[in-house]
Amino acid sequence: MSTESSPSEFGDDFPKHDLRLPEELREELSREIGEIVPDETLRDRLKGCQRVVSVGDVVTMTLLQRNIEPDVAVFDYKTQRLEDRNAKEKIAGMSGDLIKVQNPQGMITRELWRVMRDAVQGQGRVKIEVAGEEDLAALVAIACSQDGTCVIYGLPGRGLMLVPVDDTTRAFATSAIRRMKR
């Protein structure tokens, strides 16, 4: 696969409608598709990553505390649905273009899809502030990123999930997205 082309099997016009997470897919998405890693090993674990994508405030804050600035950071300034002022201050200090999107809970809107796709396939540093919920942005990042990208998101009560993007993880994300309700 050429690193110059989009790895995603989704065309530029996908999705035609916002996507909603069906109940039957929730349990499947809570399973480990990468590896749970202790935050103190993050720097070593990310050495081989071409790009780093963080999804969630706690994940992004953890990276910043380790002096690791993600290439793409997705956040909503909330931790378990409660506003996190500390996160707002720290994330605001990160470099990169800030893009704001609307994305309701349990959904992937067309707007979030487009912004995520462009951010992970681009070269610059991007901060994506979500009004609503950012959790499902990890699926888009995995589905649309080049091989060698590392996507990190949190599993509440379990830790940081590190997903190196490759054909296997991309196929999992793509399959889940295809099963979402239109």
C-alpha atoms as a PDB file:
ATOM      1  CA  MET A   1       0.000   0.000   0.000  1.00  0.00           C
ATOM      2  CA  SER A   2       1.364   3.376  -0.947  1.00  0.00           C
ATOM      3  CA  THR A   3       1.748   5.778   1.921  1.00  0.00           C
ATOM      4  CA  GLU A   4       0.751   8.553  -0.478  1.00  0.00           C
ATOM      5  CA  SER A   5      -2.825   7.339  -0.872  1.00  0.00           C
ATOM      6  CA  SER A   6      -5.637   7.144   1.634  1.00  0.00           C
ATOM      7  CA  PRO A   7      -5.648   3.805   3.447  1.00  0.00           C
ATOM      8  CA  SER A   8      -9.390   3.995   4.052  1.00  0.00           C
ATOM      9  CA  GLU A   9     -11.776   2.091   1.854  1.00  0.00           C
ATOM     10  CA  PHE A  10     -14.292   4.874   2.461  1.00  0.00           C
ATOM     11  CA  GLY A  11     -14.610   7.438  -0.319  1.00  0.00           C
ATOM     12  CA  ASP A  12     -14.566  11.188   0.123  1.00  0.00           C
ATOM     13  CA  ASP A  13     -18.372  11.238   0.155  1.00  0.00           C
ATOM     14  CA  PHE A  14     -18.636   8.802   3.112  1.00  0.00           C
ATOM     15  CA  PRO A  15     -20.711   8.969   5.199  1.00  0.00           C
ATOM     16  CA  LYS A  16     -23.757  10.335   3.417  1.00  0.00           C
ATOM     17  CA  HIS A  17     -25.584  10.472   6.773  1.00  0.00           C
ATOM     18  CA  ASP A  18     -24.585  10.747  10.422  1.00  0.00           C
ATOM     19  CA  LEU A  19     -23.845   7.351  11.987  1.00  0.00           C
ATOM     20  CA  ARG A  20     -25.370   6.119  15.253  1.00  0.00           C
ATOM     21  CA  LEU A  21     -23.845   3.400  17.431  1.00  0.00           C
ATOM     22  CA  PRO A  22     -26.288   0.505  17.845  1.00  0.00           C
ATOM     23  CA  GLU A  23     -26.573  -1.124  21.275  1.00  0.00           C
ATOM     24  CA  GLU A  24     -25.398  -4.502  19.969  1.00  0.00           C
ATOM     25  CA  LEU A  25     -22.044  -2.975  18.961  1.00  0.00           C
ATOM     26  CA  ARG A  26     -21.242  -1.338  22.321  1.00  0.00           C
ATOM     27  CA  GLU A  27     -19.875  -4.469  24.004  1.00  0.00           C
ATOM     28  CA  GLU A  28     -17.726  -5.357  21.002  1.00  0.00           C
ATOM     29  CA  LEU A  29     -16.169  -1.893  21.007  1.00  0.00           C
ATOM     30  CA  SER A  30     -15.290  -2.159  24.702  1.00  0.00           C
ATOM     31  CA  ARG A  31     -12.918  -5.061  24.020  1.00  0.00           C
ATOM     32  CA  GLU A  32      -9.203  -4.574  23.583  1.00  0.00           C
ATOM     33  CA  ILE A  33      -8.153  -4.143  19.950  1.00  0.00           C
ATOM     34  CA  GLY A  34      -4.689  -2.938  20.811  1.00  0.00           C
ATOM     35  CA  GLU A  35      -2.784  -3.149  24.048  1.00  0.00           C
ATOM     36  CA  ILE A  36      -3.419  -1.501  27.395  1.00  0.00           C
ATOM     37  CA  VAL A  37      -0.210   0.277  28.317  1.00  0.00           C
ATOM     38  CA  PRO A  38       0.911   1.904  31.560  1.00  0.00           C
ATOM     39  CA  ASP A  39       1.361   5.647  31.128  1.00  0.00           C
ATOM     40  CA  GLU A  40       4.947   5.490  32.359  1.00  0.00           C
ATOM     41  CA  THR A  41       5.874   3.358  29.313  1.00  0.00           C
ATOM     42  CA  LEU A  42       4.201   5.627  26.738  1.00  0.00           C
ATOM     43  CA  ARG A  43       7.332   7.397  25.540  1.00  0.00           C
ATOM     44  CA  ASP A  44       9.085   4.105  24.763  1.00  0.00           C
ATOM     45  CA  ARG A  45       5.957   2.551  23.245  1.00  0.00           C
ATOM     46  CA  LEU A  46       5.432   5.505  20.872  1.00  0.00           C
ATOM     47  CA  LYS A  47       8.995   5.635  19.509  1.00  0.00           C
ATOM     48  CA  GLY A  48       8.150   3.732  16.321  1.00  0.00           C
ATOM     49  CA  CYS A  49       4.926   5.620  15.596  1.00  0.00           C
ATOM     50  CA  GLN A  50       4.879   7.847  12.543  1.00  0.00           C
ATOM     51  CA  ARG A  51       1.998   9.904  13.962  1.00  0.00           C
ATOM     52  CA  VAL A  52       0.214   9.880  17.326  1.00  0.00           C
ATOM     53  CA  VAL A  53      -3.532  10.452  17.695  1.00  0.00           C
ATOM     54  CA  SER A  54      -5.034  10.898  21.163  1.00  0.00           C
ATOM     55  CA  VAL A  55      -8.763  10.583  21.742  1.00  0.00           C
ATOM     56  CA  GLY A  56     -10.060  11.899  25.046  1.00  0.00           C
ATOM     57  CA  ASP A  57      -9.060  14.474  27.612  1.00  0.00           C
ATOM     58  CA  VAL A  58      -7.431  12.061  30.075  1.00  0.00           C
ATOM     59  CA  VAL A  59      -5.358  10.469  27.315  1.00  0.00           C
ATOM     60  CA  THR A  60      -4.294  13.834  25.913  1.00  0.00           C
ATOM     61  CA  MET A  61      -3.448  15.128  29.388  1.00  0.00           C
ATOM     62  CA  THR A  62      -1.454  11.975  30.150  1.00  0.00           C
ATOM     63  CA  LEU A  63       0.602  12.462  26.990  1.00  0.00           C
ATOM     64  CA  LEU A  64       1.193  16.136  27.783  1.00  0.00           C
ATOM     65  CA  GLN A  65       2.295  15.251  31.343  1.00  0.00           C
ATOM     66  CA  ARG A  66       4.870  12.955  29.728  1.00  0.00           C
ATOM     67  CA  ASN A  67       5.983  15.807  27.419  1.00  0.00           C
ATOM     68  CA  ILE A  68       4.511  14.074  24.396  1.00  0.00           C
ATOM     69  CA  GLU A  69       2.431  16.315  22.151  1.00  0.00           C
ATOM     70  CA  PRO A  70       0.114  14.268  19.912  1.00  0.00           C
ATOM     71  CA  ASP A  71      -0.125  15.071  16.205  1.00  0.00           C
ATOM     72  CA  VAL A  72      -3.912  14.947  16.470  1.00  0.00           C
ATOM     73  CA  ALA A  73      -5.728  15.458  19.777  1.00  0.00           C
ATOM     74  CA  VAL A  74      -9.487  14.998  20.152  1.00  0.00           C
ATOM     75  CA  PHE A  75     -11.144  16.235  23.332  1.00  0.00           C
ATOM     76  CA  ASP A  76     -14.296  17.743  24.808  1.00  0.00           C
ATOM     77  CA  TYR A  77     -12.851  19.309  27.984  1.00  0.00           C
ATOM     78  CA  LYS A  78     -14.751  16.772  30.048  1.00  0.00           C
ATOM     79  CA  THR A  79     -13.736  13.736  32.033  1.00  0.00           C
ATOM     80  CA  GLN A  80     -16.557  11.259  32.568  1.00  0.00           C
ATOM     81  CA  ARG A  81     -18.984  14.008  31.473  1.00  0.00           C
ATOM     82  CA  LEU A  82     -17.738  16.538  34.048  1.00  0.00           C
ATOM     83  CA  GLU A  83     -15.953  19.712  32.930  1.00  0.00           C
ATOM     84  CA  ASP A  84     -12.204  19.606  33.467  1.00  0.00           C
ATOM     85  CA  ARG A  85     -10.749  23.138  33.769  1.00  0.00           C
ATOM     86  CA  ASN A  86      -7.201  21.818  34.119  1.00  0.00           C
ATOM     87  CA  ALA A  87      -7.514  19.994  30.793  1.00  0.00           C
ATOM     88  CA  LYS A  88      -8.811  23.136  29.126  1.00  0.00           C
ATOM     89  CA  GLU A  89      -5.790  25.135  30.210  1.00  0.00           C
ATOM     90  CA  LYS A  90      -3.198  22.487  29.292  1.00  0.00           C
ATOM     91  CA  ILE A  91      -4.741  21.539  25.938  1.00  0.00           C
ATOM     92  CA  ALA A  92      -5.160  25.202  24.977  1.00  0.00           C
ATOM     93  CA  GLY A  93      -1.379  25.525  25.353  1.00  0.00           C
ATOM     94  CA  MET A  94      -0.679  22.796  22.790  1.00  0.00           C
ATOM     95  CA  SER A  95       0.505  23.763  19.337  1.00  0.00           C
ATOM     96  CA  GLY A  96      -1.631  23.078  16.287  1.00  0.00           C
ATOM     97  CA  ASP A  97      -4.698  24.315  14.498  1.00  0.00           C
ATOM     98  CA  LEU A  98      -7.901  24.233  16.552  1.00  0.00           C
ATOM     99  CA  ILE A  99     -11.030  22.904  14.875  1.00  0.00           C
ATOM    100  CA  LYS A 100     -14.389  22.780  16.664  1.00  0.00           C
ATOM    101  CA  VAL A 101     -17.043  20.206  15.754  1.00  0.00           C
ATOM    102  CA  GLN A 102     -20.451  19.114  16.991  1.00  0.00           C
ATOM    103  CA  ASN A 103     -20.876  15.408  17.687  1.00  0.00           C
ATOM    104  CA  PRO A 104     -23.673  14.032  19.904  1.00  0.00           C
ATOM    105  CA  GLN A 105     -23.125  11.083  22.233  1.00  0.00           C
ATOM    106  CA  GLY A 106     -23.064   7.685  20.528  1.00  0.00           C
ATOM    107  CA  MET A 107     -22.627   9.148  17.061  1.00  0.00           C
ATOM    108  CA  ILE A 108     -20.140   9.884  14.333  1.00  0.00           C
ATOM    109  CA  THR A 109     -21.426  12.927  12.497  1.00  0.00           C
ATOM    110  CA  ARG A 110     -20.427  13.684   8.929  1.00  0.00           C
ATOM    111  CA  GLU A 111     -18.627  16.754  10.272  1.00  0.00           C
ATOM    112  CA  LEU A 112     -16.569  14.751  12.794  1.00  0.00           C
ATOM    113  CA  TRP A 113     -15.751  12.165  10.118  1.00  0.00           C
ATOM    114  CA  ARG A 114     -14.501  14.796   7.656  1.00  0.00           C
ATOM    115  CA  VAL A 115     -12.433  16.679  10.259  1.00  0.00           C
ATOM    116  CA  MET A 116     -10.898  13.468  11.675  1.00  0.00           C
ATOM    117  CA  ARG A 117     -10.111  12.052   8.235  1.00  0.00           C
ATOM    118  CA  ASP A 118      -8.426  15.266   7.125  1.00  0.00           C
ATOM    119  CA  ALA A 119      -6.490  15.600  10.400  1.00  0.00           C
ATOM    120  CA  VAL A 120      -5.086  12.058  10.482  1.00  0.00           C
ATOM    121  CA  GLN A 121      -4.227  12.084   6.794  1.00  0.00           C
ATOM    122  CA  GLY A 122      -2.623  15.536   6.952  1.00  0.00           C
ATOM    123  CA  GLN A 123       0.845  16.495   8.044  1.00  0.00           C
ATOM    124  CA  GLY A 124       0.215  19.275  10.548  1.00  0.00           C
ATOM    125  CA  ARG A 125      -0.677  19.205  14.218  1.00  0.00           C
ATOM    126  CA  VAL A 126      -4.437  19.478  14.850  1.00  0.00           C
ATOM    127  CA  LYS A 127      -6.552  19.909  17.993  1.00  0.00           C
ATOM    128  CA  ILE A 128     -10.192  18.884  17.598  1.00  0.00           C
ATOM    129  CA  GLU A 129     -12.565  20.259  20.217  1.00  0.00           C
ATOM    130  CA  VAL A 130     -15.822  18.308  20.262  1.00  0.00           C
ATOM    131  CA  ALA A 131     -19.070  19.757  21.559  1.00  0.00           C
ATOM    132  CA  GLY A 132     -20.800  16.572  22.613  1.00  0.00           C
ATOM    133  CA  GLU A 133     -18.804  13.348  22.810  1.00  0.00           C
ATOM    134  CA  GLU A 134     -15.520  12.369  21.187  1.00  0.00           C
ATOM    135  CA  ASP A 135     -15.264   8.656  22.061  1.00  0.00           C
ATOM    136  CA  LEU A 136     -16.105   7.220  18.631  1.00  0.00           C
ATOM    137  CA  ALA A 137     -13.524   9.447  16.940  1.00  0.00           C
ATOM    138  CA  ALA A 138     -11.012   6.661  17.683  1.00  0.00           C
ATOM    139  CA  LEU A 139     -12.780   4.430  15.146  1.00  0.00           C
ATOM    140  CA  VAL A 140     -12.490   7.078  12.462  1.00  0.00           C
ATOM    141  CA  ALA A 141      -8.819   7.640  13.300  1.00  0.00           C
ATOM    142  CA  ILE A 142      -8.057   3.926  13.043  1.00  0.00           C
ATOM    143  CA  ALA A 143     -10.068   3.499   9.830  1.00  0.00           C
ATOM    144  CA  CYS A 144      -8.498   6.492   8.069  1.00  0.00           C
ATOM    145  CA  SER A 145      -4.895   6.593   9.302  1.00  0.00           C
ATOM    146  CA  GLN A 146      -1.808   5.364   7.517  1.00  0.00           C
ATOM    147  CA  ASP A 147       0.019   2.262   8.712  1.00  0.00           C
ATOM    148  CA  GLY A 148       2.427   3.240  11.471  1.00  0.00           C
ATOM    149  CA  THR A 149       0.062   5.712  13.125  1.00  0.00           C
ATOM    150  CA  CYS A 150      -0.680   5.020  16.787  1.00  0.00           C
ATOM    151  CA  VAL A 151      -4.132   5.828  18.143  1.00  0.00           C
ATOM    152  CA  ILE A 152      -4.513   6.081  21.906  1.00  0.00           C
ATOM    153  CA  TYR A 153      -7.819   6.203  23.733  1.00  0.00           C
ATOM    154  CA  GLY A 154      -8.990   5.427  27.240  1.00  0.00           C
ATOM    155  CA  LEU A 155     -10.956   2.469  28.504  1.00  0.00           C
ATOM    156  CA  PRO A 156     -12.553   3.726  31.749  1.00  0.00           C
ATOM    157  CA  GLY A 157     -11.319   1.792  34.750  1.00  0.00           C
ATOM    158  CA  ARG A 158      -8.867  -0.188  32.590  1.00  0.00           C
ATOM    159  CA  GLY A 159      -6.285   2.226  31.211  1.00  0.00           C
ATOM    160  CA  LEU A 160      -4.820   3.559  28.004  1.00  0.00           C
ATOM    161  CA  MET A 161      -5.463   1.556  24.843  1.00  0.00           C
ATOM    162  CA  LEU A 162      -2.643   1.838  22.296  1.00  0.00           C
ATOM    163  CA  VAL A 163      -3.698   0.780  18.804  1.00  0.00           C
ATOM    164  CA  PRO A 164      -0.987   0.636  16.147  1.00  0.00           C
ATOM    165  CA  VAL A 165      -2.799   1.131  12.838  1.00  0.00           C
ATOM    166  CA  ASP A 166      -2.330  -1.708  10.383  1.00  0.00           C
ATOM    167  CA  ASP A 167      -4.537  -3.788   8.103  1.00  0.00           C
ATOM    168  CA  THR A 168      -5.968  -5.794  11.037  1.00  0.00           C
ATOM    169  CA  THR A 169      -6.918  -2.877  13.281  1.00  0.00           C
ATOM    170  CA  ARG A 170      -8.172  -0.876  10.283  1.00  0.00           C
ATOM    171  CA  ALA A 171     -10.389  -3.825   9.248  1.00  0.00           C
ATOM    172  CA  PHE A 172     -11.864  -4.004  12.766  1.00  0.00           C
ATOM    173  CA  ALA A 173     -12.681  -0.267  12.790  1.00  0.00           C
ATOM    174  CA  THR A 174     -14.031  -0.370   9.247  1.00  0.00           C
ATOM    175  CA  SER A 175     -16.296  -3.315  10.063  1.00  0.00           C
ATOM    176  CA  ALA A 176     -17.664  -1.572  13.169  1.00  0.00           C
ATOM    177  CA  ILE A 177     -18.321   1.637  11.235  1.00  0.00           C
ATOM    178  CA  ARG A 178     -20.124  -0.250   8.468  1.00  0.00           C
ATOM    179  CA  ARG A 179     -22.464  -1.747  11.104  1.00  0.00           C
ATOM    180  CA  MET A 180     -23.448   1.609  12.567  1.00  0.00           C
ATOM    181  CA  LYS A 181     -26.969   2.842  11.877  1.00  0.00           C
ATOM    182  CA  ARG A 182     -27.511   5.464   9.219  1.00  0.00           C
END
